[in-house]
Amino acid sequence: MNKKPFNKINTGINLEEFINVAELRYDGRKPDELRPVKFTRDFTINAKSSVLVEMGNTKVICAVSVDEGVPGWMRAQNVEGGWLTCEYSMLPSATPDRARREASMGKLGGRTMEIQRLIGRALRSVLDLKKLGRRQLYIDCDVIQADGGTRTASITGAYVALRMAVDRLIEEKLLKEDPIKEALAAISVGIYKQVPLLDLNYFEDSKAEVDMNVVMTASGKLVEVQGTAEEEPFTKEQMAQMMDLAEKGINELLEAQKAE
């Protein structure tokens, strides 16, 4: 991806003043700064691959399991290749106030279903399913600590786990070709106190005037953009500013994925 310089944000507010004002972001970050990012590989031992991704205080375990078979609907419809699917969950203690396990309520919540479908769509977008062969990859993303950006952290960490699992399948000669087309990462952006911000934590997300999640490939192609105005509608200019922030952050995440 061609890295572009971060554009100055034209909000009618002197951005340089806000950069030096601690109360804009209580953790002291600049508007265009990511939280500390860390990937711990092989965090668990039973999956084909696993990664603990940490973005600030948000921590997600992403694991890949391999099933040497395909879903029934693929067999019934004679669909070639393999499949990738995702399950997402949040531990009861992941948030300050304990949340009930969805299993104890007998069904998945709408938010959970939306997020796991998003993660699955994102990873399938960079995977040649025909080259995967007649097998299914299960991606499990379990949030053990939540402080905003759990879905984007899950996508970013799940890609690292997917890359590891595919490399091992190639080493085991179960795959003849690499089915991964390119790398992938995701980040949240938003507008808080009239200033576009990168990588919102929970406090910022809960107070933001605009909240947006961006999923992008290493070549700069967009997989998904989810943007919502919580108060006032946002302009095309503000959206462009947030997209510039997202591209900057995703570039940095892509580098971190390779560096670890």
C-alpha atoms as a PDB file:
ATOM      1  CA  MET A   1       0.000   0.000   0.000  1.00  0.00           C
ATOM      2  CA  ASN A   2       1.258   3.462  -0.812  1.00  0.00           C
ATOM      3  CA  LYS A   3       1.547   5.349   2.403  1.00  0.00           C
ATOM      4  CA  LYS A   4       0.110   8.833   2.279  1.00  0.00           C
ATOM      5  CA  PRO A   5       0.927  11.631   4.701  1.00  0.00           C
ATOM      6  CA  PHE A   6      -1.754  12.259   7.271  1.00  0.00           C
ATOM      7  CA  ASN A   7      -3.849  15.188   6.120  1.00  0.00           C
ATOM      8  CA  LYS A   8      -4.430  18.038   8.530  1.00  0.00           C
ATOM      9  CA  ILE A   9      -7.996  17.883   9.701  1.00  0.00           C
ATOM     10  CA  ASN A  10     -10.085  20.924   8.890  1.00  0.00           C
ATOM     11  CA  THR A  11     -12.713  21.048  11.611  1.00  0.00           C
ATOM     12  CA  GLY A  12     -12.599  24.748  12.372  1.00  0.00           C
ATOM     13  CA  ILE A  13     -10.534  23.845  15.449  1.00  0.00           C
ATOM     14  CA  ASN A  14      -6.783  24.245  15.812  1.00  0.00           C
ATOM     15  CA  LEU A  15      -5.698  20.593  15.847  1.00  0.00           C
ATOM     16  CA  GLU A  16      -2.226  21.407  17.176  1.00  0.00           C
ATOM     17  CA  GLU A  17      -3.813  22.859  20.310  1.00  0.00           C
ATOM     18  CA  PHE A  18      -5.833  19.692  20.872  1.00  0.00           C
ATOM     19  CA  ILE A  19      -2.821  17.449  20.355  1.00  0.00           C
ATOM     20  CA  ASN A  20      -1.241  19.007  23.413  1.00  0.00           C
ATOM     21  CA  VAL A  21      -4.361  19.034  25.569  1.00  0.00           C
ATOM     22  CA  ALA A  22      -4.431  15.945  27.774  1.00  0.00           C
ATOM     23  CA  GLU A  23      -8.191  16.001  28.337  1.00  0.00           C
ATOM     24  CA  LEU A  24      -8.958  15.318  24.657  1.00  0.00           C
ATOM     25  CA  ARG A  25      -7.763  11.735  25.118  1.00  0.00           C
ATOM     26  CA  TYR A  26      -7.283  10.690  28.706  1.00  0.00           C
ATOM     27  CA  ASP A  27      -4.559   8.221  27.728  1.00  0.00           C
ATOM     28  CA  GLY A  28      -2.514  11.083  26.251  1.00  0.00           C
ATOM     29  CA  ARG A  29      -2.570   9.893  22.637  1.00  0.00           C
ATOM     30  CA  LYS A  30      -2.624  12.223  19.668  1.00  0.00           C
ATOM     31  CA  PRO A  31      -5.749  12.124  17.479  1.00  0.00           C
ATOM     32  CA  ASP A  32      -3.944  10.070  14.816  1.00  0.00           C
ATOM     33  CA  GLU A  33      -2.213   7.647  17.211  1.00  0.00           C
ATOM     34  CA  LEU A  34      -2.969   3.953  17.726  1.00  0.00           C
ATOM     35  CA  ARG A  35      -3.038   2.363  21.139  1.00  0.00           C
ATOM     36  CA  PRO A  36      -0.091   0.024  21.839  1.00  0.00           C
ATOM     37  CA  VAL A  37      -0.470  -3.106  19.685  1.00  0.00           C
ATOM     38  CA  LYS A  38       0.877  -6.556  20.529  1.00  0.00           C
ATOM     39  CA  PHE A  39       0.468 -10.035  19.010  1.00  0.00           C
ATOM     40  CA  THR A  40       1.339 -13.092  21.094  1.00  0.00           C
ATOM     41  CA  ARG A  41       1.520 -16.113  18.808  1.00  0.00           C
ATOM     42  CA  ASP A  42       0.616 -19.672  19.864  1.00  0.00           C
ATOM     43  CA  PHE A  43      -1.149 -18.357  22.933  1.00  0.00           C
ATOM     44  CA  THR A  44      -2.946 -21.704  23.260  1.00  0.00           C
ATOM     45  CA  ILE A  45      -1.688 -25.149  22.235  1.00  0.00           C
ATOM     46  CA  ASN A  46      -4.635 -27.137  20.833  1.00  0.00           C
ATOM     47  CA  ALA A  47      -5.689 -25.068  17.828  1.00  0.00           C
ATOM     48  CA  LYS A  48      -3.857 -25.155  14.502  1.00  0.00           C
ATOM     49  CA  SER A  49      -2.829 -21.587  15.353  1.00  0.00           C
ATOM     50  CA  SER A  50      -3.718 -18.984  17.940  1.00  0.00           C
ATOM     51  CA  VAL A  51      -2.942 -15.349  18.643  1.00  0.00           C
ATOM     52  CA  LEU A  52      -3.612 -13.070  21.572  1.00  0.00           C
ATOM     53  CA  VAL A  53      -4.071  -9.610  20.073  1.00  0.00           C
ATOM     54  CA  GLU A  54      -3.851  -6.626  22.398  1.00  0.00           C
ATOM     55  CA  MET A  55      -4.838  -3.121  21.376  1.00  0.00           C
ATOM     56  CA  GLY A  56      -4.512  -1.028  24.479  1.00  0.00           C
ATOM     57  CA  ASN A  57      -6.732  -2.663  27.084  1.00  0.00           C
ATOM     58  CA  THR A  58      -8.725  -4.633  24.517  1.00  0.00           C
ATOM     59  CA  LYS A  59      -7.551  -8.254  24.413  1.00  0.00           C
ATOM     60  CA  VAL A  60      -8.878 -10.970  22.101  1.00  0.00           C
ATOM     61  CA  ILE A  61      -7.819 -14.594  21.634  1.00  0.00           C
ATOM     62  CA  CYS A  62      -8.069 -15.563  17.949  1.00  0.00           C
ATOM     63  CA  ALA A  63      -7.703 -19.264  17.119  1.00  0.00           C
ATOM     64  CA  VAL A  64      -7.963 -21.311  13.924  1.00  0.00           C
ATOM     65  CA  SER A  65      -9.168 -24.915  13.834  1.00  0.00           C
ATOM     66  CA  VAL A  66      -9.217 -27.111  10.721  1.00  0.00           C
ATOM     67  CA  ASP A  67     -12.002 -29.520   9.736  1.00  0.00           C
ATOM     68  CA  GLU A  68     -11.099 -31.857   6.863  1.00  0.00           C
ATOM     69  CA  GLY A  69     -14.550 -31.551   5.356  1.00  0.00           C
ATOM     70  CA  VAL A  70     -16.951 -28.908   4.101  1.00  0.00           C
ATOM     71  CA  PRO A  71     -20.420 -27.796   5.236  1.00  0.00           C
ATOM     72  CA  GLY A  72     -23.392 -29.827   4.043  1.00  0.00           C
ATOM     73  CA  TRP A  73     -24.740 -26.981   1.928  1.00  0.00           C
ATOM     74  CA  MET A  74     -21.527 -26.976  -0.128  1.00  0.00           C
ATOM     75  CA  ARG A  75     -21.812 -30.702  -0.789  1.00  0.00           C
ATOM     76  CA  ALA A  76     -25.514 -30.419  -1.624  1.00  0.00           C
ATOM     77  CA  GLN A  77     -24.917 -27.556  -4.069  1.00  0.00           C
ATOM     78  CA  ASN A  78     -21.686 -29.003  -5.505  1.00  0.00           C
ATOM     79  CA  VAL A  79     -19.760 -25.857  -4.563  1.00  0.00           C
ATOM     80  CA  GLU A  80     -16.037 -26.224  -5.230  1.00  0.00           C
ATOM     81  CA  GLY A  81     -13.311 -25.502  -2.730  1.00  0.00           C
ATOM     82  CA  GLY A  82     -13.496 -25.007   1.004  1.00  0.00           C
ATOM     83  CA  TRP A  83     -15.000 -22.607   3.492  1.00  0.00           C
ATOM     84  CA  LEU A  84     -14.105 -20.296   6.350  1.00  0.00           C
ATOM     85  CA  THR A  85     -16.466 -19.360   9.147  1.00  0.00           C
ATOM     86  CA  CYS A  86     -16.166 -17.439  12.400  1.00  0.00           C
ATOM     87  CA  GLU A  87     -17.554 -17.501  15.914  1.00  0.00           C
ATOM     88  CA  TYR A  88     -17.228 -14.494  18.222  1.00  0.00           C
ATOM     89  CA  SER A  89     -17.931 -14.232  21.919  1.00  0.00           C
ATOM     90  CA  MET A  90     -17.190 -12.034  24.896  1.00  0.00           C
ATOM     91  CA  LEU A  91     -16.390 -13.429  28.324  1.00  0.00           C
ATOM     92  CA  PRO A  92     -18.696 -12.298  31.131  1.00  0.00           C
ATOM     93  CA  SER A  93     -15.774 -10.612  32.894  1.00  0.00           C
ATOM     94  CA  ALA A  94     -14.571  -8.800  29.764  1.00  0.00           C
ATOM     95  CA  THR A  95     -16.480  -5.672  30.779  1.00  0.00           C
ATOM     96  CA  PRO A  96     -16.662  -3.834  34.129  1.00  0.00           C
ATOM     97  CA  ASP A  97     -20.230  -5.007  34.686  1.00  0.00           C
ATOM     98  CA  ARG A  98     -20.496  -8.763  34.240  1.00  0.00           C
ATOM     99  CA  ALA A  99     -22.479  -9.745  31.160  1.00  0.00           C
ATOM    100  CA  ARG A 100     -24.464 -12.982  31.023  1.00  0.00           C
ATOM    101  CA  ARG A 101     -23.124 -15.725  28.795  1.00  0.00           C
ATOM    102  CA  GLU A 102     -25.249 -15.903  25.687  1.00  0.00           C
ATOM    103  CA  ALA A 103     -25.269 -19.698  25.984  1.00  0.00           C
ATOM    104  CA  SER A 104     -27.145 -19.318  29.280  1.00  0.00           C
ATOM    105  CA  MET A 105     -29.786 -17.248  27.476  1.00  0.00           C
ATOM    106  CA  GLY A 106     -30.303 -19.894  24.824  1.00  0.00           C
ATOM    107  CA  LYS A 107     -29.457 -17.790  21.762  1.00  0.00           C
ATOM    108  CA  LEU A 108     -26.882 -15.470  20.253  1.00  0.00           C
ATOM    109  CA  GLY A 109     -27.504 -11.755  20.479  1.00  0.00           C
ATOM    110  CA  GLY A 110     -27.895  -9.658  17.368  1.00  0.00           C
ATOM    111  CA  ARG A 111     -24.605  -7.838  17.986  1.00  0.00           C
ATOM    112  CA  THR A 112     -22.695 -11.112  18.286  1.00  0.00           C
ATOM    113  CA  MET A 113     -24.178 -12.481  15.066  1.00  0.00           C
ATOM    114  CA  GLU A 114     -23.364  -9.256  13.230  1.00  0.00           C
ATOM    115  CA  ILE A 115     -19.737  -9.242  14.417  1.00  0.00           C
ATOM    116  CA  GLN A 116     -18.979 -12.877  13.651  1.00  0.00           C
ATOM    117  CA  ARG A 117     -20.465 -12.503  10.179  1.00  0.00           C
ATOM    118  CA  LEU A 118     -18.325  -9.404   9.662  1.00  0.00           C
ATOM    119  CA  ILE A 119     -15.150 -11.246  10.683  1.00  0.00           C
ATOM    120  CA  GLY A 120     -15.983 -14.182   8.406  1.00  0.00           C
ATOM    121  CA  ARG A 121     -16.738 -11.910   5.426  1.00  0.00           C
ATOM    122  CA  ALA A 122     -13.533  -9.965   5.985  1.00  0.00           C
ATOM    123  CA  LEU A 123     -11.280 -13.023   6.038  1.00  0.00           C
ATOM    124  CA  ARG A 124     -13.014 -14.727   3.115  1.00  0.00           C
ATOM    125  CA  SER A 125     -12.398 -11.579   1.056  1.00  0.00           C
ATOM    126  CA  VAL A 126      -8.642 -12.281   1.045  1.00  0.00           C
ATOM    127  CA  LEU A 127      -8.887 -16.057   0.713  1.00  0.00           C
ATOM    128  CA  ASP A 128      -9.106 -18.108  -2.487  1.00  0.00           C
ATOM    129  CA  LEU A 129     -11.554 -20.737  -1.276  1.00  0.00           C
ATOM    130  CA  LYS A 130     -10.879 -23.040  -4.232  1.00  0.00           C
ATOM    131  CA  LYS A 131      -7.203 -23.261  -3.284  1.00  0.00           C
ATOM    132  CA  LEU A 132      -8.223 -24.144   0.275  1.00  0.00           C
ATOM    133  CA  GLY A 133      -9.319 -27.597  -0.851  1.00  0.00           C
ATOM    134  CA  ARG A 134     -12.212 -29.550   0.634  1.00  0.00           C
ATOM    135  CA  ARG A 135     -11.770 -28.321   4.186  1.00  0.00           C
ATOM    136  CA  GLN A 136     -13.254 -25.745   6.509  1.00  0.00           C
ATOM    137  CA  LEU A 137     -11.387 -23.291   8.706  1.00  0.00           C
ATOM    138  CA  TYR A 138     -13.047 -22.210  11.941  1.00  0.00           C
ATOM    139  CA  ILE A 139     -11.981 -18.851  13.348  1.00  0.00           C
ATOM    140  CA  ASP A 140     -12.811 -18.386  17.034  1.00  0.00           C
ATOM    141  CA  CYS A 141     -12.502 -14.869  18.433  1.00  0.00           C
ATOM    142  CA  ASP A 142     -12.985 -14.660  22.193  1.00  0.00           C
ATOM    143  CA  VAL A 143     -12.810 -11.268  23.885  1.00  0.00           C
ATOM    144  CA  ILE A 144     -11.237 -11.616  27.304  1.00  0.00           C
ATOM    145  CA  GLN A 145     -11.067  -7.873  27.988  1.00  0.00           C
ATOM    146  CA  ALA A 146     -13.027  -5.154  26.208  1.00  0.00           C
ATOM    147  CA  ASP A 147     -12.119  -1.488  25.971  1.00  0.00           C
ATOM    148  CA  GLY A 148     -13.523  -0.560  22.574  1.00  0.00           C
ATOM    149  CA  GLY A 149     -12.683  -1.822  19.093  1.00  0.00           C
ATOM    150  CA  THR A 150     -13.269  -5.518  19.819  1.00  0.00           C
ATOM    151  CA  ARG A 151     -14.510  -6.314  16.302  1.00  0.00           C
ATOM    152  CA  THR A 152     -11.625  -4.556  14.580  1.00  0.00           C
ATOM    153  CA  ALA A 153      -9.079  -6.122  16.944  1.00  0.00           C
ATOM    154  CA  SER A 154     -10.663  -9.515  16.230  1.00  0.00           C
ATOM    155  CA  ILE A 155     -10.277  -9.076  12.464  1.00  0.00           C
ATOM    156  CA  THR A 156      -6.693  -7.863  12.784  1.00  0.00           C
ATOM    157  CA  GLY A 157      -5.707 -10.704  15.121  1.00  0.00           C
ATOM    158  CA  ALA A 158      -7.690 -13.338  13.201  1.00  0.00           C
ATOM    159  CA  TYR A 159      -5.756 -12.528  10.040  1.00  0.00           C
ATOM    160  CA  VAL A 160      -2.472 -13.218  11.858  1.00  0.00           C
ATOM    161  CA  ALA A 161      -3.847 -16.546  13.125  1.00  0.00           C
ATOM    162  CA  LEU A 162      -5.106 -17.398   9.620  1.00  0.00           C
ATOM    163  CA  ARG A 163      -1.692 -16.644   8.111  1.00  0.00           C
ATOM    164  CA  MET A 164      -0.040 -18.938  10.669  1.00  0.00           C
ATOM    165  CA  ALA A 165      -2.543 -21.762  10.083  1.00  0.00           C
ATOM    166  CA  VAL A 166      -2.165 -21.612   6.302  1.00  0.00           C
ATOM    167  CA  ASP A 167       1.633 -21.643   6.570  1.00  0.00           C
ATOM    168  CA  ARG A 168       1.416 -24.784   8.706  1.00  0.00           C
ATOM    169  CA  LEU A 169      -0.960 -26.489   6.268  1.00  0.00           C
ATOM    170  CA  ILE A 170       1.525 -25.739   3.488  1.00  0.00           C
ATOM    171  CA  GLU A 171       4.413 -27.111   5.578  1.00  0.00           C
ATOM    172  CA  GLU A 172       2.358 -30.270   6.209  1.00  0.00           C
ATOM    173  CA  LYS A 173       1.790 -30.540   2.427  1.00  0.00           C
ATOM    174  CA  LEU A 174      -1.966 -30.386   2.942  1.00  0.00           C
ATOM    175  CA  LEU A 175      -2.080 -27.276   0.746  1.00  0.00           C
ATOM    176  CA  LYS A 176      -0.290 -27.096  -2.592  1.00  0.00           C
ATOM    177  CA  GLU A 177      -0.733 -23.357  -3.077  1.00  0.00           C
ATOM    178  CA  ASP A 178      -1.084 -20.398  -0.764  1.00  0.00           C
ATOM    179  CA  PRO A 179      -4.794 -19.461  -0.746  1.00  0.00           C
ATOM    180  CA  ILE A 180      -4.254 -16.085   0.934  1.00  0.00           C
ATOM    181  CA  LYS A 181      -4.341 -13.288  -1.638  1.00  0.00           C
ATOM    182  CA  GLU A 182      -3.183 -10.417   0.575  1.00  0.00           C
ATOM    183  CA  ALA A 183      -3.036  -9.183   4.147  1.00  0.00           C
ATOM    184  CA  LEU A 184      -5.906  -7.549   5.979  1.00  0.00           C
ATOM    185  CA  ALA A 185      -6.489  -5.357   9.035  1.00  0.00           C
ATOM    186  CA  ALA A 186      -9.243  -3.252  10.572  1.00  0.00           C
ATOM    187  CA  ILE A 187      -9.509  -0.196  12.810  1.00  0.00           C
ATOM    188  CA  SER A 188     -12.090   2.070  14.385  1.00  0.00           C
ATOM    189  CA  VAL A 189     -12.258   5.809  13.808  1.00  0.00           C
ATOM    190  CA  GLY A 190     -14.706   8.438  14.936  1.00  0.00           C
ATOM    191  CA  ILE A 191     -15.403  12.032  15.819  1.00  0.00           C
ATOM    192  CA  TYR A 192     -15.195  13.012  19.472  1.00  0.00           C
ATOM    193  CA  LYS A 193     -15.529  16.613  20.646  1.00  0.00           C
ATOM    194  CA  GLN A 194     -15.599  17.612  16.973  1.00  0.00           C
ATOM    195  CA  VAL A 195     -12.147  16.090  16.363  1.00  0.00           C
ATOM    196  CA  PRO A 196     -11.630  12.975  14.166  1.00  0.00           C
ATOM    197  CA  LEU A 197      -9.823  10.287  16.186  1.00  0.00           C
ATOM    198  CA  LEU A 198      -8.096   7.007  15.388  1.00  0.00           C
ATOM    199  CA  ASP A 199      -8.610   3.790  17.379  1.00  0.00           C
ATOM    200  CA  LEU A 200     -11.316   4.745  19.863  1.00  0.00           C
ATOM    201  CA  ASN A 201     -11.311   3.204  23.323  1.00  0.00           C
ATOM    202  CA  TYR A 202     -14.598   2.450  25.076  1.00  0.00           C
ATOM    203  CA  PHE A 203     -14.949   5.860  26.710  1.00  0.00           C
ATOM    204  CA  GLU A 204     -14.374   7.672  23.417  1.00  0.00           C
ATOM    205  CA  ASP A 205     -16.640   5.276  21.537  1.00  0.00           C
ATOM    206  CA  SER A 206     -19.470   5.718  24.027  1.00  0.00           C
ATOM    207  CA  LYS A 207     -19.248   9.517  23.806  1.00  0.00           C
ATOM    208  CA  ALA A 208     -18.392   9.890  20.109  1.00  0.00           C
ATOM    209  CA  GLU A 209     -20.553  11.926  17.776  1.00  0.00           C
ATOM    210  CA  VAL A 210     -19.610   9.541  14.947  1.00  0.00           C
ATOM    211  CA  ASP A 211     -18.381   5.954  15.128  1.00  0.00           C
ATOM    212  CA  MET A 212     -16.892   4.100  12.139  1.00  0.00           C
ATOM    213  CA  ASN A 213     -15.177   0.748  11.562  1.00  0.00           C
ATOM    214  CA  VAL A 214     -12.998   0.241   8.490  1.00  0.00           C
ATOM    215  CA  VAL A 215     -11.669  -3.055   7.091  1.00  0.00           C
ATOM    216  CA  MET A 216      -8.970  -2.683   4.429  1.00  0.00           C
ATOM    217  CA  THR A 217      -6.537  -4.906   2.544  1.00  0.00           C
ATOM    218  CA  ALA A 218      -2.808  -4.348   2.139  1.00  0.00           C
ATOM    219  CA  SER A 219      -3.376  -3.053  -1.398  1.00  0.00           C
ATOM    220  CA  GLY A 220      -5.698  -0.372  -0.051  1.00  0.00           C
ATOM    221  CA  LYS A 221      -8.969  -1.995  -1.109  1.00  0.00           C
ATOM    222  CA  LEU A 222     -11.955  -1.585   1.178  1.00  0.00           C
ATOM    223  CA  VAL A 223     -13.723  -4.678   2.468  1.00  0.00           C
ATOM    224  CA  GLU A 224     -16.239  -2.994   4.734  1.00  0.00           C
ATOM    225  CA  VAL A 225     -17.020   0.459   6.110  1.00  0.00           C
ATOM    226  CA  GLN A 226     -19.526   0.774   8.949  1.00  0.00           C
ATOM    227  CA  GLY A 227     -20.241   4.379   9.912  1.00  0.00           C
ATOM    228  CA  THR A 228     -22.944   5.790  12.164  1.00  0.00           C
ATOM    229  CA  ALA A 229     -23.764   9.285  13.358  1.00  0.00           C
ATOM    230  CA  GLU A 230     -24.792   9.084  16.992  1.00  0.00           C
ATOM    231  CA  GLU A 231     -25.859  12.741  17.182  1.00  0.00           C
ATOM    232  CA  GLU A 232     -25.443  15.100  14.229  1.00  0.00           C
ATOM    233  CA  PRO A 233     -25.045  13.722  10.675  1.00  0.00           C
ATOM    234  CA  PHE A 234     -21.485  13.918   9.380  1.00  0.00           C
ATOM    235  CA  THR A 235     -20.268  15.461   6.132  1.00  0.00           C
ATOM    236  CA  LYS A 236     -18.408  13.946   3.186  1.00  0.00           C
ATOM    237  CA  GLU A 237     -15.375  15.955   4.255  1.00  0.00           C
ATOM    238  CA  GLN A 238     -15.486  14.461   7.742  1.00  0.00           C
ATOM    239  CA  MET A 239     -15.853  10.986   6.260  1.00  0.00           C
ATOM    240  CA  ALA A 240     -12.778  11.593   4.088  1.00  0.00           C
ATOM    241  CA  GLN A 241     -10.856  12.729   7.171  1.00  0.00           C
ATOM    242  CA  MET A 242     -11.830   9.578   9.054  1.00  0.00           C
ATOM    243  CA  MET A 243     -10.897   7.397   6.075  1.00  0.00           C
ATOM    244  CA  ASP A 244      -7.454   9.043   5.964  1.00  0.00           C
ATOM    245  CA  LEU A 245      -7.038   8.246   9.655  1.00  0.00           C
ATOM    246  CA  ALA A 246      -8.182   4.655   9.081  1.00  0.00           C
ATOM    247  CA  GLU A 247      -5.713   4.143   6.229  1.00  0.00           C
ATOM    248  CA  LYS A 248      -2.872   5.487   8.357  1.00  0.00           C
ATOM    249  CA  GLY A 249      -3.791   3.201  11.255  1.00  0.00           C
ATOM    250  CA  ILE A 250      -4.259   0.136   9.055  1.00  0.00           C
ATOM    251  CA  ASN A 251      -0.852   0.719   7.436  1.00  0.00           C
ATOM    252  CA  GLU A 252       0.683   0.646  10.909  1.00  0.00           C
ATOM    253  CA  LEU A 253      -1.252  -2.484  11.880  1.00  0.00           C
ATOM    254  CA  LEU A 254      -0.129  -4.270   8.716  1.00  0.00           C
ATOM    255  CA  GLU A 255       3.469  -3.507   9.635  1.00  0.00           C
ATOM    256  CA  ALA A 256       2.890  -4.752  13.197  1.00  0.00           C
ATOM    257  CA  GLN A 257       1.385  -7.991  11.885  1.00  0.00           C
ATOM    258  CA  LYS A 258       4.597  -8.703   9.949  1.00  0.00           C
ATOM    259  CA  ALA A 259       6.983  -7.499  12.635  1.00  0.00           C
ATOM    260  CA  GLU A 260       5.880  -9.724  15.482  1.00  0.00           C
END
